[in-house]
Amino acid sequence: RGWLPYEYENTNEGYEAAKAELKSPLVTNEENMATGKELYGIYCAVCHGTKGDGNGILSQRGKFEGIPKYNDEARAITEGSIYHVLMYGKNNMGSHASQLSIEERWQVTQHVLKLKAELK
């Protein structure tokens, strides 16, 4: 119920394919952006910071180190790579698939892309 198959595997190759190919089915609008921002504040900001600079409260307290900034050139994140990481997790970040629905993951993705653009 409400579950759709996800065609990209939880591998480095799956990540790279999603990064290059996967596009959001959602229109970017105020409602999706507002929901994405709200969900980001709940699930992401604690590590990634409210600005996406990797300076969330857990980073500030030394609980996690090396949290990347969204505008890190070495990572060059895309909407597909963001969604893929929310789906499966990557490195020290766990999957958020059980906390966020498919639509919510895309809404968070929209907010992350906004933060990435604002960091430049």
N, C-alpha and C. Protein backbone atom coordinates (compact mmCIF):
# COMPACT_ATOMS: atom_id res chain seq x y z
N ARG A 1 0.82 -1.17 0.00
CA ARG A 1 0.00 0.00 0.00
C ARG A 1 0.87 1.24 0.00
N GLY A 2 0.74 2.00 -1.06
CA GLY A 2 1.52 3.22 -1.18
C GLY A 2 2.99 2.98 -1.48
N TRP A 3 3.38 1.73 -1.65
CA TRP A 3 4.78 1.42 -1.93
C TRP A 3 4.97 1.24 -3.42
N LEU A 4 6.01 1.86 -3.93
CA LEU A 4 6.37 1.70 -5.33
C LEU A 4 7.78 1.15 -5.40
N PRO A 5 8.05 0.27 -6.35
CA PRO A 5 9.42 -0.25 -6.46
C PRO A 5 10.40 0.87 -6.81
N TYR A 6 11.58 0.74 -6.28
CA TYR A 6 12.65 1.70 -6.55
C TYR A 6 13.69 0.97 -7.38
N GLU A 7 13.92 1.43 -8.58
CA GLU A 7 14.71 0.67 -9.55
C GLU A 7 16.22 0.74 -9.36
N TYR A 8 16.70 1.60 -8.48
CA TYR A 8 18.14 1.75 -8.30
C TYR A 8 18.60 0.94 -7.10
N GLU A 9 19.64 0.14 -7.29
CA GLU A 9 20.14 -0.72 -6.22
C GLU A 9 20.96 0.07 -5.21
N ASN A 10 21.09 -0.51 -4.03
CA ASN A 10 21.88 0.09 -2.96
C ASN A 10 23.35 -0.29 -3.14
N THR A 11 23.93 0.25 -4.22
CA THR A 11 25.34 0.01 -4.55
C THR A 11 25.93 1.33 -5.03
N ASN A 12 27.23 1.38 -5.17
CA ASN A 12 27.86 2.58 -5.72
C ASN A 12 27.38 2.84 -7.14
N GLU A 13 27.18 1.76 -7.90
CA GLU A 13 26.68 1.90 -9.27
C GLU A 13 25.25 2.43 -9.27
N GLY A 14 24.43 1.95 -8.34
CA GLY A 14 23.06 2.43 -8.21
C GLY A 14 23.01 3.90 -7.84
N TYR A 15 23.91 4.30 -6.93
CA TYR A 15 24.00 5.70 -6.53
C TYR A 15 24.38 6.57 -7.73
N GLU A 16 25.39 6.17 -8.48
CA GLU A 16 25.83 6.95 -9.63
C GLU A 16 24.75 7.03 -10.71
N ALA A 17 24.03 5.94 -10.91
CA ALA A 17 22.95 5.94 -11.90
C ALA A 17 21.82 6.88 -11.45
N ALA A 18 21.44 6.81 -10.19
CA ALA A 18 20.39 7.70 -9.67
C ALA A 18 20.85 9.15 -9.76
N LYS A 19 22.10 9.39 -9.44
CA LYS A 19 22.65 10.74 -9.50
C LYS A 19 22.54 11.31 -10.91
N ALA A 20 22.77 10.49 -11.90
CA ALA A 20 22.77 10.95 -13.29
C ALA A 20 21.38 10.95 -13.92
N GLU A 21 20.51 10.05 -13.51
CA GLU A 21 19.26 9.83 -14.25
C GLU A 21 17.98 10.21 -13.52
N LEU A 22 17.94 10.04 -12.21
CA LEU A 22 16.69 10.15 -11.46
C LEU A 22 16.23 11.60 -11.34
N LYS A 23 14.98 11.84 -11.69
CA LYS A 23 14.40 13.18 -11.64
C LYS A 23 13.13 13.15 -10.80
N SER A 24 12.85 14.23 -10.13
CA SER A 24 11.67 14.34 -9.28
C SER A 24 10.39 14.37 -10.10
N PRO A 25 9.39 13.63 -9.65
CA PRO A 25 8.09 13.71 -10.30
C PRO A 25 7.24 14.87 -9.78
N LEU A 26 7.71 15.55 -8.74
CA LEU A 26 6.94 16.62 -8.12
C LEU A 26 7.24 17.96 -8.76
N VAL A 27 6.23 18.77 -8.87
CA VAL A 27 6.41 20.14 -9.31
C VAL A 27 7.01 20.93 -8.14
N THR A 28 7.90 21.84 -8.44
CA THR A 28 8.45 22.69 -7.40
C THR A 28 7.49 23.84 -7.20
N ASN A 29 6.85 23.86 -6.03
CA ASN A 29 5.91 24.93 -5.70
C ASN A 29 6.02 25.25 -4.21
N GLU A 30 5.28 26.27 -3.78
CA GLU A 30 5.39 26.73 -2.39
C GLU A 30 4.98 25.65 -1.40
N GLU A 31 3.95 24.88 -1.73
CA GLU A 31 3.48 23.84 -0.81
C GLU A 31 4.54 22.76 -0.62
N ASN A 32 5.11 22.25 -1.72
CA ASN A 32 6.15 21.23 -1.60
C ASN A 32 7.39 21.78 -0.92
N MET A 33 7.75 23.01 -1.22
CA MET A 33 8.93 23.61 -0.60
C MET A 33 8.72 23.78 0.91
N ALA A 34 7.53 24.21 1.31
CA ALA A 34 7.24 24.42 2.74
C ALA A 34 7.27 23.09 3.49
N THR A 35 6.68 22.07 2.90
CA THR A 35 6.69 20.75 3.53
C THR A 35 8.11 20.21 3.60
N GLY A 36 8.87 20.37 2.53
CA GLY A 36 10.25 19.93 2.52
C GLY A 36 11.08 20.61 3.59
N LYS A 37 10.87 21.89 3.77
CA LYS A 37 11.60 22.65 4.79
C LYS A 37 11.23 22.15 6.19
N GLU A 38 9.95 21.91 6.41
CA GLU A 38 9.50 21.42 7.71
C GLU A 38 10.11 20.05 8.02
N LEU A 39 10.04 19.14 7.06
CA LEU A 39 10.60 17.80 7.26
C LEU A 39 12.11 17.84 7.42
N TYR A 40 12.77 18.70 6.67
CA TYR A 40 14.21 18.88 6.80
C TYR A 40 14.56 19.30 8.23
N GLY A 41 13.79 20.22 8.77
CA GLY A 41 14.03 20.67 10.14
C GLY A 41 13.90 19.54 11.15
N ILE A 42 13.03 18.60 10.89
CA ILE A 42 12.82 17.47 11.79
C ILE A 42 13.90 16.41 11.64
N TYR A 43 14.20 16.03 10.41
CA TYR A 43 15.05 14.86 10.17
C TYR A 43 16.49 15.16 9.77
N CYS A 44 16.78 16.34 9.26
CA CYS A 44 18.08 16.58 8.64
C CYS A 44 18.94 17.64 9.33
N ALA A 45 18.30 18.71 9.79
CA ALA A 45 19.04 19.86 10.30
C ALA A 45 19.91 19.53 11.50
N VAL A 46 19.52 18.54 12.27
CA VAL A 46 20.29 18.18 13.46
C VAL A 46 21.74 17.82 13.09
N CYS A 47 21.94 17.26 11.93
CA CYS A 47 23.29 16.94 11.45
C CYS A 47 23.78 17.95 10.41
N HIS A 48 22.96 18.19 9.39
CA HIS A 48 23.38 19.00 8.26
C HIS A 48 23.27 20.50 8.48
N GLY A 49 22.61 20.93 9.55
CA GLY A 49 22.46 22.35 9.84
C GLY A 49 21.29 22.95 9.08
N THR A 50 20.76 24.03 9.58
CA THR A 50 19.60 24.67 8.95
C THR A 50 19.95 25.27 7.60
N LYS A 51 21.24 25.52 7.36
CA LYS A 51 21.69 26.11 6.08
C LYS A 51 22.28 25.07 5.13
N GLY A 52 22.39 23.82 5.57
CA GLY A 52 23.01 22.80 4.73
C GLY A 52 24.52 22.88 4.70
N ASP A 53 25.07 23.50 5.73
CA ASP A 53 26.52 23.71 5.79
C ASP A 53 27.26 22.65 6.60
N GLY A 54 26.54 21.60 7.02
CA GLY A 54 27.17 20.53 7.79
C GLY A 54 27.44 20.90 9.23
N ASN A 55 26.82 21.97 9.71
CA ASN A 55 27.08 22.47 11.05
C ASN A 55 25.84 22.38 11.93
N GLY A 56 25.21 21.21 11.96
CA GLY A 56 24.06 20.99 12.83
C GLY A 56 24.50 20.83 14.27
N ILE A 57 23.53 20.74 15.16
CA ILE A 57 23.83 20.68 16.59
C ILE A 57 24.68 19.45 16.95
N LEU A 58 24.46 18.33 16.28
CA LEU A 58 25.28 17.15 16.58
C LEU A 58 26.72 17.33 16.13
N SER A 59 26.92 18.05 15.05
CA SER A 59 28.27 18.38 14.60
C SER A 59 28.93 19.34 15.59
N GLN A 60 28.17 20.34 16.02
CA GLN A 60 28.70 21.33 16.96
C GLN A 60 29.10 20.68 18.28
N ARG A 61 28.39 19.65 18.67
CA ARG A 61 28.69 18.97 19.93
C ARG A 61 29.71 17.85 19.77
N GLY A 62 30.25 17.69 18.57
CA GLY A 62 31.29 16.70 18.34
C GLY A 62 30.80 15.27 18.24
N LYS A 63 29.51 15.07 18.07
CA LYS A 63 28.96 13.71 17.96
C LYS A 63 29.28 13.09 16.61
N PHE A 64 29.27 13.92 15.55
CA PHE A 64 29.62 13.48 14.21
C PHE A 64 30.54 14.51 13.60
N GLU A 65 31.55 14.05 12.89
CA GLU A 65 32.45 14.96 12.21
C GLU A 65 32.44 14.66 10.71
N GLY A 66 32.79 15.65 9.92
CA GLY A 66 32.91 15.45 8.49
C GLY A 66 31.59 15.45 7.74
N ILE A 67 30.56 16.05 8.31
CA ILE A 67 29.27 16.13 7.62
C ILE A 67 29.46 17.11 6.47
N PRO A 68 29.21 16.67 5.23
CA PRO A 68 29.51 17.53 4.09
C PRO A 68 28.54 18.69 3.93
N LYS A 69 29.05 19.77 3.35
CA LYS A 69 28.21 20.89 2.94
C LYS A 69 27.53 20.48 1.64
N TYR A 70 26.33 21.00 1.42
CA TYR A 70 25.60 20.63 0.21
C TYR A 70 26.25 21.18 -1.05
N ASN A 71 27.06 22.20 -0.94
CA ASN A 71 27.72 22.74 -2.13
C ASN A 71 29.14 22.22 -2.29
N ASP A 72 29.46 21.12 -1.62
CA ASP A 72 30.78 20.50 -1.73
C ASP A 72 30.99 20.04 -3.18
N GLU A 73 31.94 20.64 -3.86
CA GLU A 73 32.21 20.34 -5.27
C GLU A 73 32.56 18.87 -5.49
N ALA A 74 33.21 18.25 -4.52
CA ALA A 74 33.62 16.86 -4.67
C ALA A 74 32.42 15.92 -4.74
N ARG A 75 31.32 16.32 -4.15
CA ARG A 75 30.13 15.47 -4.15
C ARG A 75 29.18 15.82 -5.28
N ALA A 76 29.06 17.07 -5.64
CA ALA A 76 28.20 17.54 -6.73
C ALA A 76 26.84 16.85 -6.71
N ILE A 77 26.11 17.04 -5.62
CA ILE A 77 24.82 16.37 -5.46
C ILE A 77 23.79 16.83 -6.49
N THR A 78 22.89 15.91 -6.82
CA THR A 78 21.79 16.17 -7.74
C THR A 78 20.50 15.73 -7.05
N GLU A 79 19.37 16.03 -7.67
CA GLU A 79 18.12 15.59 -7.06
C GLU A 79 18.07 14.06 -6.96
N GLY A 80 18.63 13.38 -7.94
CA GLY A 80 18.66 11.92 -7.90
C GLY A 80 19.54 11.38 -6.79
N SER A 81 20.70 12.00 -6.58
CA SER A 81 21.60 11.51 -5.53
C SER A 81 21.04 11.80 -4.14
N ILE A 82 20.38 12.93 -3.98
CA ILE A 82 19.77 13.26 -2.69
C ILE A 82 18.69 12.24 -2.35
N TYR A 83 17.80 11.99 -3.32
CA TYR A 83 16.72 11.03 -3.09
C TYR A 83 17.30 9.65 -2.77
N HIS A 84 18.30 9.23 -3.51
CA HIS A 84 18.92 7.91 -3.32
C HIS A 84 19.48 7.78 -1.90
N VAL A 85 20.13 8.82 -1.41
CA VAL A 85 20.70 8.78 -0.07
C VAL A 85 19.59 8.78 0.98
N LEU A 86 18.51 9.51 0.74
CA LEU A 86 17.38 9.44 1.66
C LEU A 86 16.78 8.03 1.67
N MET A 87 16.78 7.40 0.54
CA MET A 87 16.21 6.05 0.41
C MET A 87 17.06 5.01 1.13
N TYR A 88 18.36 5.01 0.88
CA TYR A 88 19.23 3.95 1.39
C TYR A 88 20.20 4.38 2.49
N GLY A 89 20.50 5.67 2.57
CA GLY A 89 21.57 6.12 3.44
C GLY A 89 22.90 6.04 2.70
N LYS A 90 23.92 6.64 3.27
CA LYS A 90 25.26 6.58 2.67
C LYS A 90 26.27 6.96 3.75
N ASN A 91 27.34 6.21 3.81
CA ASN A 91 28.38 6.40 4.82
C ASN A 91 27.74 6.39 6.21
N ASN A 92 27.92 7.43 7.01
CA ASN A 92 27.38 7.44 8.37
C ASN A 92 25.89 7.79 8.44
N MET A 93 25.32 8.23 7.33
CA MET A 93 23.90 8.59 7.33
C MET A 93 23.06 7.35 7.03
N GLY A 94 22.10 7.10 7.88
CA GLY A 94 21.21 5.96 7.68
C GLY A 94 20.08 6.30 6.72
N SER A 95 19.38 5.28 6.32
CA SER A 95 18.20 5.43 5.46
C SER A 95 17.10 6.17 6.21
N HIS A 96 16.36 6.99 5.46
CA HIS A 96 15.18 7.66 6.01
C HIS A 96 13.91 7.16 5.33
N ALA A 97 14.01 6.03 4.63
CA ALA A 97 12.86 5.48 3.90
C ALA A 97 11.72 5.09 4.84
N SER A 98 12.03 4.71 6.06
CA SER A 98 10.97 4.32 6.99
C SER A 98 10.32 5.54 7.66
N GLN A 99 11.00 6.68 7.64
CA GLN A 99 10.46 7.88 8.25
C GLN A 99 9.74 8.78 7.25
N LEU A 100 10.16 8.74 5.99
CA LEU A 100 9.65 9.65 4.97
C LEU A 100 9.03 8.87 3.82
N SER A 101 7.84 9.28 3.42
CA SER A 101 7.19 8.66 2.28
C SER A 101 7.93 9.06 1.00
N ILE A 102 7.57 8.45 -0.11
CA ILE A 102 8.18 8.79 -1.39
C ILE A 102 8.01 10.28 -1.67
N GLU A 103 6.79 10.78 -1.52
CA GLU A 103 6.54 12.20 -1.77
C GLU A 103 7.35 13.08 -0.83
N GLU A 104 7.41 12.71 0.44
CA GLU A 104 8.16 13.50 1.41
C GLU A 104 9.66 13.52 1.09
N ARG A 105 10.20 12.41 0.61
CA ARG A 105 11.62 12.38 0.22
C ARG A 105 11.88 13.38 -0.90
N TRP A 106 10.95 13.45 -1.86
CA TRP A 106 11.12 14.42 -2.95
C TRP A 106 10.96 15.85 -2.44
N GLN A 107 10.10 16.06 -1.47
CA GLN A 107 9.93 17.40 -0.90
C GLN A 107 11.20 17.83 -0.16
N VAL A 108 11.78 16.93 0.60
CA VAL A 108 13.05 17.22 1.27
C VAL A 108 14.13 17.49 0.23
N THR A 109 14.14 16.72 -0.83
CA THR A 109 15.10 16.91 -1.92
C THR A 109 15.00 18.32 -2.48
N GLN A 110 13.79 18.82 -2.68
CA GLN A 110 13.61 20.18 -3.18
C GLN A 110 14.23 21.20 -2.22
N HIS A 111 14.03 20.99 -0.94
CA HIS A 111 14.59 21.93 0.05
C HIS A 111 16.12 21.85 0.07
N VAL A 112 16.67 20.66 -0.01
CA VAL A 112 18.12 20.51 -0.03
C VAL A 112 18.73 21.23 -1.24
N LEU A 113 18.09 21.11 -2.39
CA LEU A 113 18.59 21.81 -3.58
C LEU A 113 18.52 23.32 -3.40
N LYS A 114 17.50 23.80 -2.71
CA LYS A 114 17.39 25.23 -2.42
C LYS A 114 18.55 25.66 -1.51
N LEU A 115 18.82 24.88 -0.47
CA LEU A 115 19.93 25.20 0.42
C LEU A 115 21.26 25.17 -0.31
N LYS A 116 21.43 24.20 -1.18
CA LYS A 116 22.66 24.09 -1.97
C LYS A 116 22.86 25.37 -2.79
N ALA A 117 21.82 25.84 -3.44
CA ALA A 117 21.91 27.06 -4.26
C ALA A 117 22.23 28.29 -3.40
N GLU A 118 21.69 28.33 -2.21
CA GLU A 118 21.93 29.48 -1.32
C GLU A 118 23.34 29.47 -0.73
N LEU A 119 23.99 28.32 -0.67
CA LEU A 119 25.36 28.25 -0.14
C LEU A 119 26.38 28.80 -1.12
N LYS A 120 26.05 28.87 -2.41
CA LYS A 120 27.02 29.31 -3.40
C LYS A 120 27.18 30.80 -3.40
